[in-house]
Amino acid sequence: MFDENLAYQAYENQKLDFLRRVPTSRIPELKKNPDYFENPVFRLDSLFFGPGLSEDAGLRSALISSLDYEQMQKLFNSSSRPGCVGVPLEFYSGPELCFDNKKVINKTFKNKKINFTYSSLGGEDHRRLSEWLQSQWKNALGLNIQVRGLENKIFLNQIRNNPSEVFRRGLSPENPSCYGILESFHSKSADNLSLLKDAKFDQSLMELKTNSSPKKCREVLQILLDKNIMIPTGRIFFSYRMSQKWQGLELNLLNHMDLSELQLKSKESL
C-alpha cells in the first residue's frame, strides 16, 4: 500500500523527484515553494448517503446543514468551499452551487448510530476528514458516528454490495464534461451507488447529453443537489511536488500526465 509519509520523507531526502500527493496539512508550509504545484481536477468527490438513509429525508437534511463548511475549508487548506459542487464554474452558468449551512436545526438524533466508511487509500486527509465529521455530527446532532477506514478493494466491494449510511467516494469522468460527471447518477447506470431513481433527473440528463450548454448543466446539477443524496466536498486540486531539475510536465483536467515534453533542465537554468 502507498504510504504518503514514507513517500514524503523520500522526496525530502532527494530519493524521489516527484511526489504525487501532498497531505493538505502541509500545504501552508509549502505553498510558496518553487517545487510545489496545484492542478485543478474535474471530479465530483462527495460524502454519499447510503440506502440506510434513503427514507429519512430529515436526517439527511440535518447532516448537510449541520456542517461548518468554512471551518472544513480552513482545516484542509482548500481553495474551494466544501458543500459546493466540484464541477468547474466554466461548465455551468451563474453563481457557484452550494449547500447552505445557516439553516436552523430544531431536532437532535441523540445516540443514533451512523456508520461512516472511507478508503484508506486517501491517506491522512481521509482520516482527518472522518474524525472532523464525527465531532461535528456528534456535537450538532447527538449522533454516534462509527468510523472505519478500509483497504480500497474492500471499500469498493462494500459500497457496491452493502454500503454504510455515509461513505466518501470520488467520481472521475472519462471525459471532462457535465454529462460525463453526472451520467453515473442515471437510474439505470450500473455505477449509480446513490440509488437515485428520479424520472425528472433522468430526462434532464438525457437532454444534457445533446445540449451541453452551461444553463442546462446548472439545471441538472440543481436537481441533483435538491435530492439531498450527497454532500459534495468542493473543487478538487491535485497538489504535488516536483524536483526543480525537471521541466515540461503537463497535467490535464482529468489529472492525466503528459510526459512528452518532460526533460532535465540545463545546468545554466538551475
C-alpha atoms as a PDB file:
ATOM      1  CA  MET A   1       0.000   0.000   0.000  1.00  0.00           C
ATOM      2  CA  PHE A   2       1.168   3.532  -0.792  1.00  0.00           C
ATOM      3  CA  ASP A   3       2.463   5.243   2.356  1.00  0.00           C
ATOM      4  CA  GLU A   4       2.323   9.005   1.850  1.00  0.00           C
ATOM      5  CA  ASN A   5       4.516   9.745   4.871  1.00  0.00           C
ATOM      6  CA  LEU A   6       7.301   7.458   3.643  1.00  0.00           C
ATOM      7  CA  ALA A   7       6.984   8.957   0.168  1.00  0.00           C
ATOM      8  CA  TYR A   8       7.159  12.471   1.615  1.00  0.00           C
ATOM      9  CA  GLN A   9      10.359  11.653   3.507  1.00  0.00           C
ATOM     10  CA  ALA A  10      11.864  10.016   0.430  1.00  0.00           C
ATOM     11  CA  TYR A  11      11.201  13.185  -1.566  1.00  0.00           C
ATOM     12  CA  GLU A  12      12.664  15.381   1.179  1.00  0.00           C
ATOM     13  CA  ASN A  13      15.776  13.165   1.177  1.00  0.00           C
ATOM     14  CA  GLN A  14      16.031  13.540  -2.630  1.00  0.00           C
ATOM     15  CA  LYS A  15      15.321   9.862  -3.232  1.00  0.00           C
ATOM     16  CA  LEU A  16      12.274  10.813  -5.280  1.00  0.00           C
ATOM     17  CA  ASP A  17      11.978  13.522  -7.938  1.00  0.00           C
ATOM     18  CA  PHE A  18       8.170  13.512  -7.966  1.00  0.00           C
ATOM     19  CA  LEU A  19       5.763  13.399  -5.021  1.00  0.00           C
ATOM     20  CA  ARG A  20       2.324  12.577  -6.369  1.00  0.00           C
ATOM     21  CA  ARG A  21       0.298  13.724  -3.385  1.00  0.00           C
ATOM     22  CA  VAL A  22       0.875  16.338  -0.705  1.00  0.00           C
ATOM     23  CA  PRO A  23      -1.168  15.986   2.520  1.00  0.00           C
ATOM     24  CA  THR A  24      -3.354  19.075   2.907  1.00  0.00           C
ATOM     25  CA  SER A  25      -1.916  19.712   6.383  1.00  0.00           C
ATOM     26  CA  ARG A  26       1.440  20.508   4.741  1.00  0.00           C
ATOM     27  CA  ILE A  27       0.127  22.929   2.119  1.00  0.00           C
ATOM     28  CA  PRO A  28       0.648  26.186   4.125  1.00  0.00           C
ATOM     29  CA  GLU A  29       4.350  25.488   4.669  1.00  0.00           C
ATOM     30  CA  LEU A  30       4.888  24.522   1.016  1.00  0.00           C
ATOM     31  CA  LYS A  31       2.608  26.996  -0.774  1.00  0.00           C
ATOM     32  CA  LYS A  32       5.409  29.363  -1.778  1.00  0.00           C
ATOM     33  CA  ASN A  33       7.986  26.695  -2.589  1.00  0.00           C
ATOM     34  CA  PRO A  34       9.046  26.596  -6.256  1.00  0.00           C
ATOM     35  CA  ASP A  35       8.696  22.786  -6.301  1.00  0.00           C
ATOM     36  CA  TYR A  36       5.047  22.867  -5.128  1.00  0.00           C
ATOM     37  CA  PHE A  37       2.235  22.770  -7.708  1.00  0.00           C
ATOM     38  CA  GLU A  38      -1.580  22.606  -7.756  1.00  0.00           C
ATOM     39  CA  ASN A  39      -3.575  21.284 -10.688  1.00  0.00           C
ATOM     40  CA  PRO A  40      -7.380  21.773 -10.799  1.00  0.00           C
ATOM     41  CA  VAL A  41      -9.098  18.447 -11.452  1.00  0.00           C
ATOM     42  CA  PHE A  42     -12.525  17.676 -12.898  1.00  0.00           C
ATOM     43  CA  ARG A  43     -14.057  15.458 -10.206  1.00  0.00           C
ATOM     44  CA  LEU A  44     -17.187  15.201  -8.074  1.00  0.00           C
ATOM     45  CA  ASP A  45     -15.915  13.936  -4.722  1.00  0.00           C
ATOM     46  CA  SER A  46     -18.685  13.695  -2.149  1.00  0.00           C
ATOM     47  CA  LEU A  47     -19.975  12.222   1.066  1.00  0.00           C
ATOM     48  CA  PHE A  48     -22.740   9.927  -0.158  1.00  0.00           C
ATOM     49  CA  PHE A  49     -25.755   8.733   1.816  1.00  0.00           C
ATOM     50  CA  GLY A  50     -26.407   5.004   1.540  1.00  0.00           C
ATOM     51  CA  PRO A  51     -29.716   3.098   1.320  1.00  0.00           C
ATOM     52  CA  GLY A  52     -29.984   3.101   5.122  1.00  0.00           C
ATOM     53  CA  LEU A  53     -30.833   6.816   4.995  1.00  0.00           C
ATOM     54  CA  SER A  54     -32.937   6.783   1.823  1.00  0.00           C
ATOM     55  CA  GLU A  55     -36.223   7.017   3.749  1.00  0.00           C
ATOM     56  CA  ASP A  56     -35.032   9.590   6.292  1.00  0.00           C
ATOM     57  CA  ALA A  57     -35.051  12.918   4.450  1.00  0.00           C
ATOM     58  CA  GLY A  58     -35.000  14.842   7.736  1.00  0.00           C
ATOM     59  CA  LEU A  59     -31.769  13.232   8.908  1.00  0.00           C
ATOM     60  CA  ARG A  60     -30.101  13.680   5.514  1.00  0.00           C
ATOM     61  CA  SER A  61     -31.027  17.375   5.548  1.00  0.00           C
ATOM     62  CA  ALA A  62     -29.703  17.748   9.104  1.00  0.00           C
ATOM     63  CA  LEU A  63     -26.402  16.043   8.192  1.00  0.00           C
ATOM     64  CA  ILE A  64     -25.974  18.510   5.325  1.00  0.00           C
ATOM     65  CA  SER A  65     -26.974  21.658   7.210  1.00  0.00           C
ATOM     66  CA  SER A  66     -25.080  20.988  10.435  1.00  0.00           C
ATOM     67  CA  LEU A  67     -21.567  21.093   8.953  1.00  0.00           C
ATOM     68  CA  ASP A  68     -19.384  24.191   9.263  1.00  0.00           C
ATOM     69  CA  TYR A  69     -18.143  24.310   5.677  1.00  0.00           C
ATOM     70  CA  GLU A  70     -15.949  27.364   6.237  1.00  0.00           C
ATOM     71  CA  GLN A  71     -14.155  25.562   9.076  1.00  0.00           C
ATOM     72  CA  MET A  72     -13.773  22.495   6.884  1.00  0.00           C
ATOM     73  CA  GLN A  73     -12.230  24.632   4.155  1.00  0.00           C
ATOM     74  CA  LYS A  74      -9.667  26.036   6.583  1.00  0.00           C
ATOM     75  CA  LEU A  75      -8.909  22.608   8.041  1.00  0.00           C
ATOM     76  CA  PHE A  76      -7.943  21.241   4.640  1.00  0.00           C
ATOM     77  CA  ASN A  77      -6.396  24.455   3.297  1.00  0.00           C
ATOM     78  CA  SER A  78      -8.761  24.188   0.362  1.00  0.00           C
ATOM     79  CA  SER A  79      -9.019  26.689  -2.494  1.00  0.00           C
ATOM     80  CA  SER A  80     -12.688  25.730  -2.830  1.00  0.00           C
ATOM     81  CA  ARG A  81     -15.510  25.745  -0.280  1.00  0.00           C
ATOM     82  CA  PRO A  82     -16.769  22.270   0.709  1.00  0.00           C
ATOM     83  CA  GLY A  83     -20.501  21.890   0.281  1.00  0.00           C
ATOM     84  CA  CYS A  84     -20.183  23.240  -3.277  1.00  0.00           C
ATOM     85  CA  VAL A  85     -20.224  21.037  -6.366  1.00  0.00           C
ATOM     86  CA  GLY A  86     -16.776  20.238  -7.709  1.00  0.00           C
ATOM     87  CA  VAL A  87     -17.723  20.914 -11.324  1.00  0.00           C
ATOM     88  CA  PRO A  88     -15.669  23.880 -12.620  1.00  0.00           C
ATOM     89  CA  LEU A  89     -17.690  27.084 -12.932  1.00  0.00           C
ATOM     90  CA  GLU A  90     -16.966  27.379 -16.643  1.00  0.00           C
ATOM     91  CA  PHE A  91     -19.169  24.315 -17.212  1.00  0.00           C
ATOM     92  CA  TYR A  92     -22.335  25.762 -15.666  1.00  0.00           C
ATOM     93  CA  SER A  93     -23.814  29.247 -15.609  1.00  0.00           C
ATOM     94  CA  GLY A  94     -24.499  31.550 -12.687  1.00  0.00           C
ATOM     95  CA  PRO A  95     -23.019  31.610  -9.162  1.00  0.00           C
ATOM     96  CA  GLU A  96     -21.446  28.559  -7.561  1.00  0.00           C
ATOM     97  CA  LEU A  97     -23.921  25.885  -6.459  1.00  0.00           C
ATOM     98  CA  CYS A  98     -23.503  25.225  -2.744  1.00  0.00           C
ATOM     99  CA  PHE A  99     -25.382  23.862   0.236  1.00  0.00           C
ATOM    100  CA  ASP A 100     -26.377  26.375   2.908  1.00  0.00           C
ATOM    101  CA  ASN A 101     -25.149  25.624   6.421  1.00  0.00           C
ATOM    102  CA  LYS A 102     -27.058  28.501   8.014  1.00  0.00           C
ATOM    103  CA  LYS A 103     -30.350  26.626   8.455  1.00  0.00           C
ATOM    104  CA  VAL A 104     -31.702  26.244  11.965  1.00  0.00           C
ATOM    105  CA  ILE A 105     -31.850  22.590  13.056  1.00  0.00           C
ATOM    106  CA  ASN A 106     -34.549  22.000  15.667  1.00  0.00           C
ATOM    107  CA  LYS A 107     -34.116  18.244  16.024  1.00  0.00           C
ATOM    108  CA  THR A 108     -31.384  16.109  17.538  1.00  0.00           C
ATOM    109  CA  PHE A 109     -30.822  12.397  16.996  1.00  0.00           C
ATOM    110  CA  LYS A 110     -29.265  11.537  20.353  1.00  0.00           C
ATOM    111  CA  ASN A 111     -27.165   8.364  20.286  1.00  0.00           C
ATOM    112  CA  LYS A 112     -28.496   7.271  16.886  1.00  0.00           C
ATOM    113  CA  LYS A 113     -25.737   5.183  15.307  1.00  0.00           C
ATOM    114  CA  ILE A 114     -24.406   6.113  11.874  1.00  0.00           C
ATOM    115  CA  ASN A 115     -21.647   4.149  10.126  1.00  0.00           C
ATOM    116  CA  PHE A 116     -19.178   6.132   8.028  1.00  0.00           C
ATOM    117  CA  THR A 117     -16.607   4.399   5.813  1.00  0.00           C
ATOM    118  CA  TYR A 118     -13.817   5.651   3.609  1.00  0.00           C
ATOM    119  CA  SER A 119     -10.943   4.229   1.595  1.00  0.00           C
ATOM    120  CA  SER A 120      -7.603   4.229   3.410  1.00  0.00           C
ATOM    121  CA  LEU A 121      -6.059   4.929   0.000  1.00  0.00           C
ATOM    122  CA  GLY A 122      -6.923   8.563   0.738  1.00  0.00           C
ATOM    123  CA  GLY A 123      -4.291   8.589   3.470  1.00  0.00           C
ATOM    124  CA  GLU A 124      -4.081  11.180   6.221  1.00  0.00           C
ATOM    125  CA  ASP A 125      -6.651  13.515   4.648  1.00  0.00           C
ATOM    126  CA  HIS A 126      -9.449  10.943   4.644  1.00  0.00           C
ATOM    127  CA  ARG A 127      -8.675  10.004   8.243  1.00  0.00           C
ATOM    128  CA  ARG A 128      -8.725  13.668   9.345  1.00  0.00           C
ATOM    129  CA  LEU A 129     -11.994  14.232   7.485  1.00  0.00           C
ATOM    130  CA  SER A 130     -13.656  11.265   9.195  1.00  0.00           C
ATOM    131  CA  GLU A 131     -12.579  12.474  12.648  1.00  0.00           C
ATOM    132  CA  TRP A 132     -13.814  16.005  11.913  1.00  0.00           C
ATOM    133  CA  LEU A 133     -17.200  14.733  10.676  1.00  0.00           C
ATOM    134  CA  GLN A 134     -17.521  12.514  13.722  1.00  0.00           C
ATOM    135  CA  SER A 135     -17.030  15.513  16.007  1.00  0.00           C
ATOM    136  CA  GLN A 136     -19.280  17.860  14.008  1.00  0.00           C
ATOM    137  CA  TRP A 137     -22.247  15.500  13.829  1.00  0.00           C
ATOM    138  CA  LYS A 138     -21.954  14.409  17.455  1.00  0.00           C
ATOM    139  CA  ASN A 139     -21.864  17.993  18.746  1.00  0.00           C
ATOM    140  CA  ALA A 140     -24.586  19.334  16.450  1.00  0.00           C
ATOM    141  CA  LEU A 141     -26.964  16.377  16.258  1.00  0.00           C
ATOM    142  CA  GLY A 142     -26.010  13.996  19.074  1.00  0.00           C
ATOM    143  CA  LEU A 143     -25.174  11.247  16.576  1.00  0.00           C
ATOM    144  CA  ASN A 144     -22.942   8.301  17.369  1.00  0.00           C
ATOM    145  CA  ILE A 145     -20.689   8.147  14.302  1.00  0.00           C
ATOM    146  CA  GLN A 146     -18.794   4.872  13.861  1.00  0.00           C
ATOM    147  CA  VAL A 147     -15.810   5.437  11.560  1.00  0.00           C
ATOM    148  CA  ARG A 148     -13.992   2.775   9.557  1.00  0.00           C
ATOM    149  CA  GLY A 149     -11.133   3.191   7.121  1.00  0.00           C
ATOM    150  CA  LEU A 150     -10.990   0.227   4.744  1.00  0.00           C
ATOM    151  CA  GLU A 151      -8.400  -1.100   2.317  1.00  0.00           C
ATOM    152  CA  ASN A 152      -9.501   0.216  -1.089  1.00  0.00           C
ATOM    153  CA  LYS A 153     -10.520  -3.135  -2.614  1.00  0.00           C
ATOM    154  CA  ILE A 154     -12.617  -3.986   0.439  1.00  0.00           C
ATOM    155  CA  PHE A 155     -14.127  -0.467   0.453  1.00  0.00           C
ATOM    156  CA  LEU A 156     -15.179  -0.665  -3.210  1.00  0.00           C
ATOM    157  CA  ASN A 157     -16.752  -4.067  -2.643  1.00  0.00           C
ATOM    158  CA  GLN A 158     -18.619  -2.770   0.402  1.00  0.00           C
ATOM    159  CA  ILE A 159     -20.131   0.329  -1.218  1.00  0.00           C
ATOM    160  CA  ARG A 160     -21.389  -1.813  -4.113  1.00  0.00           C
ATOM    161  CA  ASN A 161     -22.879  -4.603  -2.028  1.00  0.00           C
ATOM    162  CA  ASN A 162     -23.564  -3.327   1.481  1.00  0.00           C
ATOM    163  CA  PRO A 163     -22.877   0.421   1.743  1.00  0.00           C
ATOM    164  CA  SER A 164     -22.802   2.130   5.114  1.00  0.00           C
ATOM    165  CA  GLU A 165     -25.137   5.018   5.908  1.00  0.00           C
ATOM    166  CA  VAL A 166     -22.457   7.525   4.830  1.00  0.00           C
ATOM    167  CA  PHE A 167     -19.354   6.946   2.727  1.00  0.00           C
ATOM    168  CA  ARG A 168     -16.822   9.105   0.934  1.00  0.00           C
ATOM    169  CA  ARG A 169     -16.446   8.487  -2.766  1.00  0.00           C
ATOM    170  CA  GLY A 170     -14.679  10.258  -5.611  1.00  0.00           C
ATOM    171  CA  LEU A 171     -16.190  10.380  -9.103  1.00  0.00           C
ATOM    172  CA  SER A 172     -13.913  10.960 -12.074  1.00  0.00           C
ATOM    173  CA  PRO A 173     -15.430  11.045 -15.589  1.00  0.00           C
ATOM    174  CA  GLU A 174     -13.913   9.542 -18.722  1.00  0.00           C
ATOM    175  CA  ASN A 175     -14.125  12.963 -20.360  1.00  0.00           C
ATOM    176  CA  PRO A 176     -14.312  16.451 -18.813  1.00  0.00           C
ATOM    177  CA  SER A 177     -17.960  17.314 -19.450  1.00  0.00           C
ATOM    178  CA  CYS A 178     -21.008  17.988 -17.354  1.00  0.00           C
ATOM    179  CA  TYR A 179     -22.793  14.939 -18.764  1.00  0.00           C
ATOM    180  CA  GLY A 180     -19.680  12.826 -18.205  1.00  0.00           C
ATOM    181  CA  ILE A 181     -19.569  13.546 -14.474  1.00  0.00           C
ATOM    182  CA  LEU A 182     -23.329  13.115 -13.965  1.00  0.00           C
ATOM    183  CA  GLU A 183     -24.169  10.064 -16.090  1.00  0.00           C
ATOM    184  CA  SER A 184     -23.413   7.679 -13.203  1.00  0.00           C
ATOM    185  CA  PHE A 185     -26.467   9.094 -11.374  1.00  0.00           C
ATOM    186  CA  HIS A 186     -28.890   7.863 -14.053  1.00  0.00           C
ATOM    187  CA  SER A 187     -31.332   5.360 -12.569  1.00  0.00           C
ATOM    188  CA  LYS A 188     -30.168   2.635 -14.997  1.00  0.00           C
ATOM    189  CA  SER A 189     -26.449   3.223 -14.541  1.00  0.00           C
ATOM    190  CA  ALA A 190     -24.549   0.306 -13.001  1.00  0.00           C
ATOM    191  CA  ASP A 191     -22.404   2.919 -11.239  1.00  0.00           C
ATOM    192  CA  ASN A 192     -25.374   4.610  -9.544  1.00  0.00           C
ATOM    193  CA  LEU A 193     -24.368   3.724  -5.991  1.00  0.00           C
ATOM    194  CA  SER A 194     -26.504   6.558  -4.630  1.00  0.00           C
ATOM    195  CA  LEU A 195     -29.537   4.535  -5.818  1.00  0.00           C
ATOM    196  CA  LEU A 196     -31.132   7.718  -7.173  1.00  0.00           C
ATOM    197  CA  LYS A 197     -34.267   6.921  -9.150  1.00  0.00           C
ATOM    198  CA  ASP A 198     -35.821  10.110 -10.417  1.00  0.00           C
ATOM    199  CA  ALA A 199     -37.595  10.436 -13.761  1.00  0.00           C
ATOM    200  CA  LYS A 200     -37.118  14.216 -13.929  1.00  0.00           C
ATOM    201  CA  PHE A 201     -33.386  13.878 -13.371  1.00  0.00           C
ATOM    202  CA  ASP A 202     -33.081  11.068 -15.948  1.00  0.00           C
ATOM    203  CA  GLN A 203     -34.927  13.121 -18.567  1.00  0.00           C
ATOM    204  CA  SER A 204     -32.870  16.264 -17.920  1.00  0.00           C
ATOM    205  CA  LEU A 205     -29.659  14.226 -18.022  1.00  0.00           C
ATOM    206  CA  MET A 206     -30.551  12.808 -21.440  1.00  0.00           C
ATOM    207  CA  GLU A 207     -31.288  16.340 -22.654  1.00  0.00           C
ATOM    208  CA  LEU A 208     -27.895  17.419 -21.314  1.00  0.00           C
ATOM    209  CA  LYS A 209     -26.251  14.706 -23.418  1.00  0.00           C
ATOM    210  CA  THR A 210     -27.293  16.538 -26.597  1.00  0.00           C
ATOM    211  CA  ASN A 211     -27.418  20.061 -25.161  1.00  0.00           C
ATOM    212  CA  SER A 212     -24.280  20.671 -23.133  1.00  0.00           C
ATOM    213  CA  SER A 213     -24.932  24.354 -22.513  1.00  0.00           C
ATOM    214  CA  PRO A 214     -23.875  25.850 -19.150  1.00  0.00           C
ATOM    215  CA  LYS A 215     -27.530  26.659 -18.445  1.00  0.00           C
ATOM    216  CA  LYS A 216     -28.594  23.037 -18.928  1.00  0.00           C
ATOM    217  CA  CYS A 217     -25.672  21.798 -16.849  1.00  0.00           C
ATOM    218  CA  ARG A 218     -26.732  24.032 -13.966  1.00  0.00           C
ATOM    219  CA  GLU A 219     -30.313  22.818 -14.218  1.00  0.00           C
ATOM    220  CA  VAL A 220     -29.285  19.164 -13.889  1.00  0.00           C
ATOM    221  CA  LEU A 221     -26.815  19.874 -11.085  1.00  0.00           C
ATOM    222  CA  GLN A 222     -29.522  21.735  -9.166  1.00  0.00           C
ATOM    223  CA  ILE A 223     -31.945  18.796  -9.482  1.00  0.00           C
ATOM    224  CA  LEU A 224     -29.238  16.504  -8.105  1.00  0.00           C
ATOM    225  CA  LEU A 225     -28.427  18.769  -5.144  1.00  0.00           C
ATOM    226  CA  ASP A 226     -32.120  19.156  -4.293  1.00  0.00           C
ATOM    227  CA  LYS A 227     -32.346  15.384  -3.742  1.00  0.00           C
ATOM    228  CA  ASN A 228     -30.018  15.644  -0.710  1.00  0.00           C
ATOM    229  CA  ILE A 229     -28.316  12.341  -1.513  1.00  0.00           C
ATOM    230  CA  MET A 230     -24.756  13.607  -1.018  1.00  0.00           C
ATOM    231  CA  ILE A 231     -22.522  16.379   0.284  1.00  0.00           C
ATOM    232  CA  PRO A 232     -20.012  17.498  -2.357  1.00  0.00           C
ATOM    233  CA  THR A 233     -16.586  18.300  -0.921  1.00  0.00           C
ATOM    234  CA  GLY A 234     -15.886  21.148  -3.342  1.00  0.00           C
ATOM    235  CA  ARG A 235     -13.479  21.682  -6.202  1.00  0.00           C
ATOM    236  CA  ILE A 236     -10.544  19.262  -6.136  1.00  0.00           C
ATOM    237  CA  PHE A 237      -6.963  20.403  -6.653  1.00  0.00           C
ATOM    238  CA  PHE A 238      -4.191  17.860  -7.149  1.00  0.00           C
ATOM    239  CA  SER A 239      -1.226  19.032  -5.052  1.00  0.00           C
ATOM    240  CA  TYR A 240       2.183  17.643  -5.914  1.00  0.00           C
ATOM    241  CA  ARG A 241       5.897  18.386  -5.717  1.00  0.00           C
ATOM    242  CA  MET A 242       8.457  18.004  -8.476  1.00  0.00           C
ATOM    243  CA  SER A 243      12.209  18.453  -8.338  1.00  0.00           C
ATOM    244  CA  GLN A 244      13.339  21.702  -9.911  1.00  0.00           C
ATOM    245  CA  LYS A 245      15.765  19.821 -12.136  1.00  0.00           C
ATOM    246  CA  TRP A 246      12.825  18.752 -14.324  1.00  0.00           C
ATOM    247  CA  GLN A 247      10.568  20.768 -16.634  1.00  0.00           C
ATOM    248  CA  GLY A 248       7.818  20.176 -19.164  1.00  0.00           C
ATOM    249  CA  LEU A 249       5.353  18.087 -17.143  1.00  0.00           C
ATOM    250  CA  GLU A 250       1.724  18.772 -18.082  1.00  0.00           C
ATOM    251  CA  LEU A 251      -1.444  17.664 -16.255  1.00  0.00           C
ATOM    252  CA  ASN A 252      -4.947  17.976 -17.720  1.00  0.00           C
ATOM    253  CA  LEU A 253      -8.355  18.317 -16.047  1.00  0.00           C
ATOM    254  CA  LEU A 254      -8.570  14.546 -15.615  1.00  0.00           C
ATOM    255  CA  ASN A 255      -5.194  14.544 -13.867  1.00  0.00           C
ATOM    256  CA  HIS A 256      -3.616  12.636 -16.738  1.00  0.00           C
ATOM    257  CA  MET A 257       0.089  13.280 -17.144  1.00  0.00           C
ATOM    258  CA  ASP A 258       1.627  14.328 -20.438  1.00  0.00           C
ATOM    259  CA  LEU A 259       5.316  13.374 -20.321  1.00  0.00           C
ATOM    260  CA  SER A 260       6.067  14.115 -23.975  1.00  0.00           C
ATOM    261  CA  GLU A 261       7.863  17.381 -23.128  1.00  0.00           C
ATOM    262  CA  LEU A 262       9.403  16.245 -19.840  1.00  0.00           C
ATOM    263  CA  GLN A 263      13.129  16.885 -19.746  1.00  0.00           C
ATOM    264  CA  LEU A 264      16.002  17.792 -17.460  1.00  0.00           C
ATOM    265  CA  LYS A 265      16.714  21.482 -17.197  1.00  0.00           C
ATOM    266  CA  SER A 266      20.033  22.733 -18.484  1.00  0.00           C
ATOM    267  CA  LYS A 267      22.690  23.351 -15.849  1.00  0.00           C
ATOM    268  CA  GLU A 268      22.570  27.062 -16.701  1.00  0.00           C
ATOM    269  CA  SER A 269      18.870  27.303 -15.733  1.00  0.00           C
ATOM    270  CA  LEU A 270      19.271  25.577 -12.373  1.00  0.00           C
END
